[in-house]
Amino acid sequence: MSEELQSIAIIGLAFKFPQDATSEAAFWQTLCDERSTSTEFPSDRLNIDAYFHPDENRPSTIPLRGGNFVKEDLSTFDAPFFAITPGEAACMDPQHRIMLETAFHTL
């Protein structure tokens, strides 16, 4: 029995990029402008002065002062949509919540 094979493509795109790169066009413009999105830790996420020390071998410290951070409020998460209780959502790592949302948007 001969079966005809057909090619299909499934295309999905979703992302969370730092700073002003909140859309595909804005991300591309950031690249074209050769702008860095690195900033110091936002004060609403971490008091870097309490944890920073340049010696990476010193326990309980962070040897860097910044990184690349998304601007959006990380506390906004539609937990009921994912059948997650508010208590579970409060205990989740923000990266896990973002991964769930981004994976859904990709699909």
N, C-alpha and C. Protein backbone atom coordinates (compact mmCIF):
# COMPACT_ATOMS: atom_id res chain seq x y z
N MET A 1 0.84 -1.17 0.00
CA MET A 1 0.00 0.00 0.00
C MET A 1 0.89 1.24 0.00
N SER A 2 0.67 2.09 -0.94
CA SER A 2 1.48 3.29 -1.09
C SER A 2 0.80 4.46 -0.37
N GLU A 3 1.58 5.14 0.48
CA GLU A 3 1.06 6.31 1.19
C GLU A 3 1.78 7.54 0.70
N GLU A 4 1.04 8.57 0.47
CA GLU A 4 1.64 9.82 0.03
C GLU A 4 2.02 10.63 1.28
N LEU A 5 3.28 11.02 1.35
CA LEU A 5 3.75 11.81 2.48
C LEU A 5 3.63 13.28 2.16
N GLN A 6 3.15 14.03 3.10
CA GLN A 6 3.04 15.47 2.93
C GLN A 6 3.86 16.15 4.01
N SER A 7 4.55 17.18 3.60
CA SER A 7 5.34 17.95 4.55
C SER A 7 4.45 18.97 5.23
N ILE A 8 4.64 19.09 6.50
CA ILE A 8 3.93 20.13 7.23
C ILE A 8 4.95 20.89 8.07
N ALA A 9 4.60 22.09 8.40
CA ALA A 9 5.45 22.90 9.28
C ALA A 9 4.59 23.45 10.40
N ILE A 10 5.05 23.29 11.58
CA ILE A 10 4.38 23.87 12.74
C ILE A 10 5.28 25.00 13.21
N ILE A 11 4.73 26.19 13.17
CA ILE A 11 5.55 27.36 13.52
C ILE A 11 4.89 28.08 14.69
N GLY A 12 5.66 28.30 15.70
CA GLY A 12 5.18 29.04 16.85
C GLY A 12 6.32 29.88 17.40
N LEU A 13 5.99 31.03 17.91
CA LEU A 13 7.01 31.92 18.44
C LEU A 13 6.46 32.62 19.68
N ALA A 14 7.19 32.53 20.74
CA ALA A 14 6.87 33.28 21.95
C ALA A 14 8.17 33.48 22.70
N PHE A 15 8.29 34.59 23.35
CA PHE A 15 9.54 34.87 24.04
C PHE A 15 9.33 35.88 25.15
N LYS A 16 10.32 35.97 25.99
CA LYS A 16 10.40 37.01 27.00
C LYS A 16 11.84 37.51 26.95
N PHE A 17 12.03 38.65 26.32
CA PHE A 17 13.36 39.25 26.23
C PHE A 17 13.45 40.42 27.20
N PRO A 18 14.66 40.81 27.55
CA PRO A 18 14.83 41.87 28.56
C PRO A 18 14.58 43.29 28.04
N GLN A 19 14.33 44.13 29.00
CA GLN A 19 14.17 45.57 28.82
C GLN A 19 13.11 45.92 27.78
N ASP A 20 13.45 46.71 26.76
CA ASP A 20 12.47 47.20 25.79
C ASP A 20 12.18 46.22 24.67
N ALA A 21 12.80 45.06 24.66
CA ALA A 21 12.59 44.07 23.60
C ALA A 21 11.32 43.27 23.90
N THR A 22 10.19 43.93 23.79
CA THR A 22 8.92 43.31 24.16
C THR A 22 8.15 42.78 22.97
N SER A 23 8.71 42.91 21.78
CA SER A 23 8.09 42.37 20.58
C SER A 23 9.22 41.92 19.65
N GLU A 24 8.85 41.19 18.59
CA GLU A 24 9.87 40.76 17.63
C GLU A 24 10.58 41.97 17.03
N ALA A 25 9.82 42.99 16.64
CA ALA A 25 10.41 44.19 16.03
C ALA A 25 11.32 44.92 17.01
N ALA A 26 10.88 45.04 18.26
CA ALA A 26 11.69 45.72 19.27
C ALA A 26 12.97 44.94 19.57
N PHE A 27 12.87 43.62 19.60
CA PHE A 27 14.07 42.80 19.81
C PHE A 27 15.05 43.00 18.66
N TRP A 28 14.53 42.96 17.43
CA TRP A 28 15.39 43.15 16.27
C TRP A 28 16.05 44.53 16.30
N GLN A 29 15.29 45.56 16.68
CA GLN A 29 15.85 46.91 16.75
C GLN A 29 16.95 46.99 17.80
N THR A 30 16.78 46.32 18.92
CA THR A 30 17.82 46.27 19.95
C THR A 30 19.11 45.69 19.38
N LEU A 31 18.97 44.61 18.59
CA LEU A 31 20.14 44.00 17.97
C LEU A 31 20.78 44.94 16.95
N CYS A 32 19.95 45.55 16.11
CA CYS A 32 20.46 46.45 15.07
C CYS A 32 21.17 47.66 15.68
N ASP A 33 20.64 48.16 16.78
CA ASP A 33 21.23 49.31 17.46
C ASP A 33 22.44 48.93 18.32
N GLU A 34 22.71 47.63 18.40
CA GLU A 34 23.81 47.11 19.22
C GLU A 34 23.72 47.59 20.67
N ARG A 35 22.48 47.66 21.19
CA ARG A 35 22.27 48.09 22.56
C ARG A 35 22.38 46.90 23.51
N SER A 36 22.94 47.16 24.65
CA SER A 36 23.00 46.15 25.70
C SER A 36 21.74 46.27 26.54
N THR A 37 21.20 45.14 26.94
CA THR A 37 20.02 45.14 27.81
C THR A 37 20.40 44.85 29.26
N SER A 38 21.68 44.79 29.53
CA SER A 38 22.15 44.50 30.87
C SER A 38 21.97 45.71 31.79
N THR A 39 21.41 45.47 32.96
CA THR A 39 21.23 46.52 33.96
C THR A 39 21.59 45.96 35.33
N GLU A 40 21.70 46.84 36.29
CA GLU A 40 21.89 46.39 37.66
C GLU A 40 20.59 45.74 38.14
N PHE A 41 20.69 44.87 39.13
CA PHE A 41 19.50 44.20 39.66
C PHE A 41 18.45 45.25 40.04
N PRO A 42 17.22 45.09 39.58
CA PRO A 42 16.15 46.01 40.00
C PRO A 42 15.93 45.92 41.50
N SER A 43 15.76 47.06 42.14
CA SER A 43 15.63 47.08 43.60
C SER A 43 14.39 46.36 44.09
N ASP A 44 13.35 46.24 43.24
CA ASP A 44 12.16 45.52 43.67
C ASP A 44 12.32 44.01 43.58
N ARG A 45 13.43 43.55 43.04
CA ARG A 45 13.69 42.11 42.94
C ARG A 45 14.79 41.64 43.88
N LEU A 46 15.77 42.50 44.14
CA LEU A 46 16.88 42.10 44.99
C LEU A 46 17.64 43.33 45.45
N ASN A 47 17.98 43.37 46.72
CA ASN A 47 18.85 44.41 47.24
C ASN A 47 20.28 43.94 47.01
N ILE A 48 20.83 44.29 45.86
CA ILE A 48 22.15 43.78 45.48
C ILE A 48 23.23 44.22 46.45
N ASP A 49 23.08 45.37 47.07
CA ASP A 49 24.09 45.83 48.02
C ASP A 49 24.20 44.89 49.22
N ALA A 50 23.14 44.17 49.54
CA ALA A 50 23.17 43.24 50.67
C ALA A 50 23.86 41.92 50.32
N TYR A 51 23.98 41.61 49.03
CA TYR A 51 24.52 40.30 48.63
C TYR A 51 25.79 40.37 47.78
N PHE A 52 26.11 41.52 47.23
CA PHE A 52 27.25 41.61 46.32
C PHE A 52 28.58 41.55 47.06
N HIS A 53 29.48 40.77 46.50
CA HIS A 53 30.89 40.78 46.89
C HIS A 53 31.67 40.29 45.67
N PRO A 54 32.74 40.97 45.29
CA PRO A 54 33.45 40.60 44.06
C PRO A 54 34.14 39.23 44.10
N ASP A 55 34.36 38.68 45.29
CA ASP A 55 35.01 37.37 45.40
C ASP A 55 33.97 36.27 45.19
N GLU A 56 34.04 35.58 44.04
CA GLU A 56 33.05 34.54 43.74
C GLU A 56 33.15 33.32 44.66
N ASN A 57 34.20 33.20 45.42
CA ASN A 57 34.36 32.07 46.33
C ASN A 57 33.84 32.38 47.74
N ARG A 58 33.43 33.60 47.97
CA ARG A 58 32.90 33.97 49.28
C ARG A 58 31.47 33.43 49.41
N PRO A 59 31.20 32.66 50.46
CA PRO A 59 29.87 32.06 50.63
C PRO A 59 28.77 33.11 50.81
N SER A 60 27.58 32.76 50.37
CA SER A 60 26.36 33.55 50.56
C SER A 60 26.42 34.95 49.93
N THR A 61 27.19 35.08 48.86
CA THR A 61 27.26 36.36 48.16
C THR A 61 27.07 36.12 46.66
N ILE A 62 26.85 37.21 45.95
CA ILE A 62 26.72 37.18 44.49
C ILE A 62 27.85 38.01 43.92
N PRO A 63 28.67 37.45 43.01
CA PRO A 63 29.83 38.17 42.51
C PRO A 63 29.56 39.10 41.32
N LEU A 64 28.30 39.41 41.05
CA LEU A 64 27.98 40.33 39.96
C LEU A 64 26.85 41.25 40.40
N ARG A 65 26.75 42.39 39.74
CA ARG A 65 25.79 43.40 40.16
C ARG A 65 24.57 43.50 39.25
N GLY A 66 24.54 42.76 38.18
CA GLY A 66 23.42 42.91 37.27
C GLY A 66 23.21 41.74 36.34
N GLY A 67 22.33 41.96 35.38
CA GLY A 67 22.00 40.94 34.41
C GLY A 67 21.01 41.52 33.41
N ASN A 68 20.27 40.65 32.76
CA ASN A 68 19.28 41.05 31.77
C ASN A 68 17.90 40.69 32.30
N PHE A 69 17.08 41.69 32.57
CA PHE A 69 15.81 41.48 33.26
C PHE A 69 14.63 41.94 32.41
N VAL A 70 13.55 41.15 32.43
CA VAL A 70 12.33 41.58 31.77
C VAL A 70 11.70 42.69 32.61
N LYS A 71 11.05 43.62 31.93
CA LYS A 71 10.47 44.77 32.63
C LYS A 71 9.14 44.44 33.30
N GLU A 72 8.43 43.45 32.78
CA GLU A 72 7.09 43.18 33.29
C GLU A 72 7.09 42.74 34.75
N ASP A 73 5.96 42.89 35.37
CA ASP A 73 5.78 42.49 36.76
C ASP A 73 5.72 40.96 36.83
N LEU A 74 6.68 40.36 37.50
CA LEU A 74 6.75 38.90 37.58
C LEU A 74 5.66 38.29 38.44
N SER A 75 4.97 39.12 39.21
CA SER A 75 3.93 38.58 40.08
C SER A 75 2.61 38.36 39.34
N THR A 76 2.49 38.90 38.13
CA THR A 76 1.26 38.69 37.36
C THR A 76 1.32 37.33 36.70
N PHE A 77 0.40 36.48 37.09
CA PHE A 77 0.36 35.11 36.57
C PHE A 77 -1.06 34.60 36.71
N ASP A 78 -1.62 34.07 35.66
CA ASP A 78 -2.99 33.58 35.66
C ASP A 78 -3.00 32.12 36.14
N ALA A 79 -2.83 31.95 37.44
CA ALA A 79 -2.73 30.60 38.02
C ALA A 79 -3.97 29.75 37.73
N PRO A 80 -5.19 30.27 37.87
CA PRO A 80 -6.36 29.43 37.59
C PRO A 80 -6.39 28.88 36.15
N PHE A 81 -5.88 29.65 35.21
CA PHE A 81 -5.86 29.18 33.82
C PHE A 81 -5.07 27.88 33.71
N PHE A 82 -4.00 27.76 34.48
CA PHE A 82 -3.16 26.57 34.46
C PHE A 82 -3.56 25.56 35.53
N ALA A 83 -4.71 25.76 36.15
CA ALA A 83 -5.21 24.88 37.22
C ALA A 83 -4.22 24.80 38.38
N ILE A 84 -3.66 25.94 38.72
CA ILE A 84 -2.70 26.04 39.82
C ILE A 84 -3.35 26.90 40.91
N THR A 85 -3.32 26.41 42.13
CA THR A 85 -3.91 27.18 43.23
C THR A 85 -3.06 28.41 43.53
N PRO A 86 -3.66 29.45 44.12
CA PRO A 86 -2.87 30.63 44.48
C PRO A 86 -1.69 30.31 45.38
N GLY A 87 -1.87 29.37 46.31
CA GLY A 87 -0.78 28.98 47.20
C GLY A 87 0.37 28.33 46.45
N GLU A 88 0.03 27.45 45.51
CA GLU A 88 1.07 26.82 44.69
C GLU A 88 1.79 27.86 43.85
N ALA A 89 1.03 28.79 43.26
CA ALA A 89 1.62 29.82 42.41
C ALA A 89 2.59 30.69 43.20
N ALA A 90 2.22 31.00 44.45
CA ALA A 90 3.09 31.85 45.29
C ALA A 90 4.41 31.16 45.60
N CYS A 91 4.42 29.83 45.62
CA CYS A 91 5.64 29.08 45.93
C CYS A 91 6.47 28.76 44.69
N MET A 92 5.91 28.99 43.51
CA MET A 92 6.62 28.64 42.27
C MET A 92 7.73 29.63 41.97
N ASP A 93 8.79 29.12 41.37
CA ASP A 93 9.86 29.97 40.87
C ASP A 93 9.27 30.83 39.74
N PRO A 94 9.52 32.14 39.72
CA PRO A 94 9.00 32.98 38.64
C PRO A 94 9.40 32.48 37.24
N GLN A 95 10.57 31.87 37.14
CA GLN A 95 11.00 31.34 35.83
C GLN A 95 10.08 30.21 35.38
N HIS A 96 9.57 29.43 36.32
CA HIS A 96 8.65 28.35 35.98
C HIS A 96 7.32 28.92 35.48
N ARG A 97 6.84 29.96 36.15
CA ARG A 97 5.59 30.60 35.72
C ARG A 97 5.75 31.19 34.31
N ILE A 98 6.87 31.86 34.07
CA ILE A 98 7.13 32.45 32.75
C ILE A 98 7.23 31.36 31.69
N MET A 99 7.86 30.24 32.02
CA MET A 99 7.97 29.13 31.07
C MET A 99 6.60 28.61 30.69
N LEU A 100 5.71 28.44 31.65
CA LEU A 100 4.35 27.97 31.37
C LEU A 100 3.62 28.93 30.43
N GLU A 101 3.67 30.22 30.74
CA GLU A 101 3.00 31.21 29.90
C GLU A 101 3.59 31.25 28.49
N THR A 102 4.90 31.22 28.40
CA THR A 102 5.56 31.30 27.10
C THR A 102 5.28 30.07 26.26
N ALA A 103 5.30 28.89 26.89
CA ALA A 103 4.98 27.67 26.16
C ALA A 103 3.55 27.71 25.64
N PHE A 104 2.61 28.22 26.44
CA PHE A 104 1.23 28.33 25.99
C PHE A 104 1.12 29.29 24.81
N HIS A 105 1.78 30.44 24.89
CA HIS A 105 1.73 31.41 23.79
C HIS A 105 2.34 30.85 22.52
N THR A 106 3.36 30.02 22.66
CA THR A 106 3.98 29.40 21.48
C THR A 106 2.99 28.47 20.79
N LEU A 107 2.25 27.71 21.57
CA LEU A 107 1.27 26.80 20.98
C LEU A 107 0.08 27.54 20.40
